[in-house]
Protein backbone atom coordinates (compact mmCIF):
# COMPACT_ATOMS: atom_id res chain seq x y z
CA UNK A 1 17.01 -6.28 32.86
CA UNK A 2 18.01 -6.39 29.30
CA UNK A 3 15.15 -7.99 28.38
CA UNK A 4 13.10 -5.56 30.45
CA UNK A 5 14.28 -2.90 28.36
CA UNK A 6 14.16 -5.02 25.17
CA UNK A 7 9.91 -4.87 25.46
CA UNK A 8 9.90 -1.31 26.84
CA UNK A 9 11.47 -0.42 23.71
CA UNK A 10 9.41 -3.10 21.45
CA UNK A 11 5.85 -1.40 23.44
CA UNK A 12 7.92 2.37 22.47
CA UNK A 13 8.11 1.22 18.47
CA UNK A 14 4.41 0.62 18.45
CA UNK A 15 3.78 3.61 20.02
CA UNK A 16 5.69 5.86 17.93
CA UNK A 17 4.16 3.50 14.62
CA UNK A 18 0.25 4.25 16.19
CA UNK A 19 1.16 7.79 16.56
CA UNK A 20 2.15 8.06 12.79
CA UNK A 21 -0.18 5.87 10.82
CA UNK A 22 -3.73 6.85 12.70
CA UNK A 23 -5.08 10.11 12.94
CA UNK A 24 -7.60 9.98 15.06
CA UNK A 25 -4.92 8.29 18.08
CA UNK A 26 -3.96 11.48 18.61
CA UNK A 27 -4.27 15.27 16.42
CA UNK A 28 -1.52 15.67 13.98
CA UNK A 29 0.28 18.83 15.34
CA UNK A 30 4.14 19.48 15.58
CA UNK A 31 3.81 18.12 19.20
CA UNK A 32 2.59 14.88 18.32
CA UNK A 33 4.84 14.68 15.27
CA UNK A 34 7.80 16.11 17.87
CA UNK A 35 6.71 12.91 20.50
CA UNK A 36 6.81 10.49 17.28
CA UNK A 37 9.87 11.24 16.11
CA UNK A 38 11.77 10.88 19.56
CA UNK A 39 9.90 7.56 20.17
CA UNK A 40 11.19 6.96 16.93
CA UNK A 41 14.86 7.79 17.39
CA UNK A 42 15.02 6.57 20.58
CA UNK A 43 13.56 2.56 20.13
CA UNK A 44 16.45 3.40 16.58
CA UNK A 45 19.38 4.57 19.25
CA UNK A 46 18.07 1.24 20.99
CA UNK A 47 18.86 -0.68 17.86
CA UNK A 48 14.99 -2.00 17.49
CA UNK A 49 14.74 -2.92 13.72
CA UNK A 50 12.08 -1.87 12.63
CA UNK A 51 12.44 1.70 14.38
CA UNK A 52 16.16 1.71 12.61
CA UNK A 53 14.50 0.84 9.11
CA UNK A 54 11.70 2.78 8.98
CA UNK A 55 13.45 5.96 11.47
CA UNK A 56 16.41 5.96 9.23
CA UNK A 57 14.32 5.90 6.09
CA UNK A 58 12.38 8.93 7.56
CA UNK A 59 15.34 10.80 7.86
CA UNK A 60 17.57 9.90 4.61
CA UNK A 61 14.21 11.76 2.00
CA UNK A 62 12.70 14.20 4.72
CA UNK A 63 16.21 15.57 6.59
CA UNK A 64 17.10 18.86 5.48
CA UNK A 65 20.44 19.04 6.88
CA UNK A 66 23.03 16.23 5.53
CA UNK A 67 23.67 15.59 9.17
CA UNK A 68 20.05 13.68 9.57
CA UNK A 69 20.42 12.36 6.17
CA UNK A 70 23.64 11.08 6.98
CA UNK A 71 22.49 9.41 9.99
CA UNK A 72 19.49 8.38 8.54
CA UNK A 73 21.43 6.49 5.79
CA UNK A 74 23.48 4.99 8.65
CA UNK A 75 20.62 3.95 10.87
CA UNK A 76 18.88 1.85 7.30
CA UNK A 77 23.04 0.39 6.57
CA UNK A 78 22.33 -0.75 9.85
CA UNK A 79 18.79 -2.28 9.10
CA UNK A 80 19.68 -3.95 6.01
CA UNK A 81 22.87 -5.76 7.61
CA UNK A 82 20.48 -7.09 10.17
CA UNK A 83 17.95 -8.74 7.87
CA UNK A 84 15.64 -6.32 7.30
CA UNK A 85 14.81 -6.82 3.11
CA UNK A 86 13.47 -2.93 2.67
CA UNK A 87 16.65 -1.48 3.94
CA UNK A 88 18.10 -3.97 1.59
CA UNK A 89 16.44 -2.38 -1.12
CA UNK A 90 16.76 1.26 0.53
CA UNK A 91 20.82 0.55 1.22
CA UNK A 92 20.81 -0.43 -2.83
CA UNK A 93 19.55 2.40 -3.86
CA UNK A 94 21.68 4.54 -1.13
CA UNK A 95 24.97 3.10 -3.13
CA UNK A 96 23.39 3.41 -6.67
CA UNK A 97 22.97 7.01 -6.44
CA UNK A 98 24.82 8.03 -4.19
CA UNK A 99 24.70 10.60 -1.15
CA UNK A 100 27.70 12.70 1.20
CA UNK A 101 28.70 9.30 3.30
CA UNK A 102 28.09 6.55 0.72
CA UNK A 103 29.55 7.88 -1.82
CA UNK A 104 28.65 5.61 -5.39
CA UNK A 105 28.81 2.32 -6.10
CA UNK A 106 27.40 0.53 -8.24
CA UNK A 107 29.36 -3.15 -7.34
CA UNK A 108 27.68 -2.64 -3.70
CA UNK A 109 24.14 -1.59 -5.61
CA UNK A 110 24.68 -5.06 -7.58
CA UNK A 111 25.14 -6.71 -4.11
CA UNK A 112 22.59 -4.80 -1.71
CA UNK A 113 19.76 -5.14 -4.84
CA UNK A 114 21.00 -9.16 -4.96
CA UNK A 115 20.21 -9.58 -1.32
CA UNK A 116 17.00 -8.05 -1.06
CA UNK A 117 15.61 -10.01 -4.33
CA UNK A 118 16.61 -13.60 -3.01
CA UNK A 119 15.05 -12.40 0.27
CA UNK A 120 11.59 -11.55 -1.35
CA UNK A 121 11.69 -7.95 -2.57
CA UNK A 122 9.78 -7.60 -5.51
CA UNK A 123 11.39 -4.03 -7.09
CA UNK A 124 14.69 -5.08 -5.88
CA UNK A 125 14.74 -8.10 -8.32
CA UNK A 126 13.26 -5.83 -11.30
CA UNK A 127 16.03 -3.65 -10.84
CA UNK A 128 18.14 -7.20 -11.37
CA UNK A 129 16.19 -7.79 -14.33
CA UNK A 130 16.11 -4.25 -16.32
CA UNK A 131 20.28 -3.78 -15.31
CA UNK A 132 20.98 -7.01 -16.79
CA UNK A 133 19.55 -6.25 -19.25
CA UNK A 134 20.15 -2.86 -20.52
CA UNK A 135 23.69 -3.69 -18.96
CA UNK A 136 23.56 -0.70 -16.25
CA UNK A 137 25.28 -0.59 -12.76
CA UNK A 138 28.64 -1.84 -13.99
CA UNK A 139 27.02 -5.34 -15.21
CA UNK A 140 27.10 -6.71 -18.88
CA UNK A 141 24.02 -7.39 -20.49
CA UNK A 142 22.90 -11.06 -20.24
CA UNK A 143 19.46 -11.96 -21.10
CA UNK A 144 20.28 -15.23 -19.33
CA UNK A 145 20.80 -13.22 -16.12
CA UNK A 146 17.80 -10.74 -16.91
CA UNK A 147 15.51 -13.47 -17.66
CA UNK A 148 16.67 -15.13 -13.79
CA UNK A 149 15.38 -11.63 -12.23
CA UNK A 150 12.90 -11.37 -14.13
CA UNK A 151 10.93 -14.38 -13.21
CA UNK A 152 11.88 -14.17 -10.03
CA UNK A 153 9.95 -10.80 -9.96
CA UNK A 154 6.87 -12.31 -11.37
CA UNK A 155 7.32 -15.07 -8.80
CA UNK A 156 6.98 -12.50 -5.98
CA UNK A 157 3.90 -11.19 -7.67
CA UNK A 158 2.10 -14.40 -8.28
CA UNK A 159 2.59 -15.23 -4.47
CA UNK A 160 1.57 -11.87 -3.55
CA UNK A 161 -1.61 -12.03 -5.46
CA UNK A 162 -2.35 -15.45 -4.21
CA UNK A 163 -1.99 -14.14 -0.37
């Protein structure tokens, strides 16, 4: 039965994605938006990694209430811990800037930026290069490290351009 519920969750997530991205499937209405958000929430609560990332990001960046922002941050952290690269970058930004539930921790931000960059996230590598170049995020200025992360970012750019 867990396999069946997992399949159902994947189908629900696919439907939520389609509703969110395609205006032609159903007209944009408050009812459609509520359905889409409800589907994303069900999938995130079921532990679907992409839903944790997408729904968490939406809650964190678009919610007005602190409770929803905190729940969004928790979802994003959970997705990052499961290996989602975009969420790793988002968690790094959360720790860099801080929020109610996750206070500013530059050392955690550096760790998450490094994880995302090593997994191929170009903006994370660029942020680390800049931080090492300027001595930000509690790092001492280090031209060698800045060059290393900049090369990694450039490598991601060229591999993305080729693909």
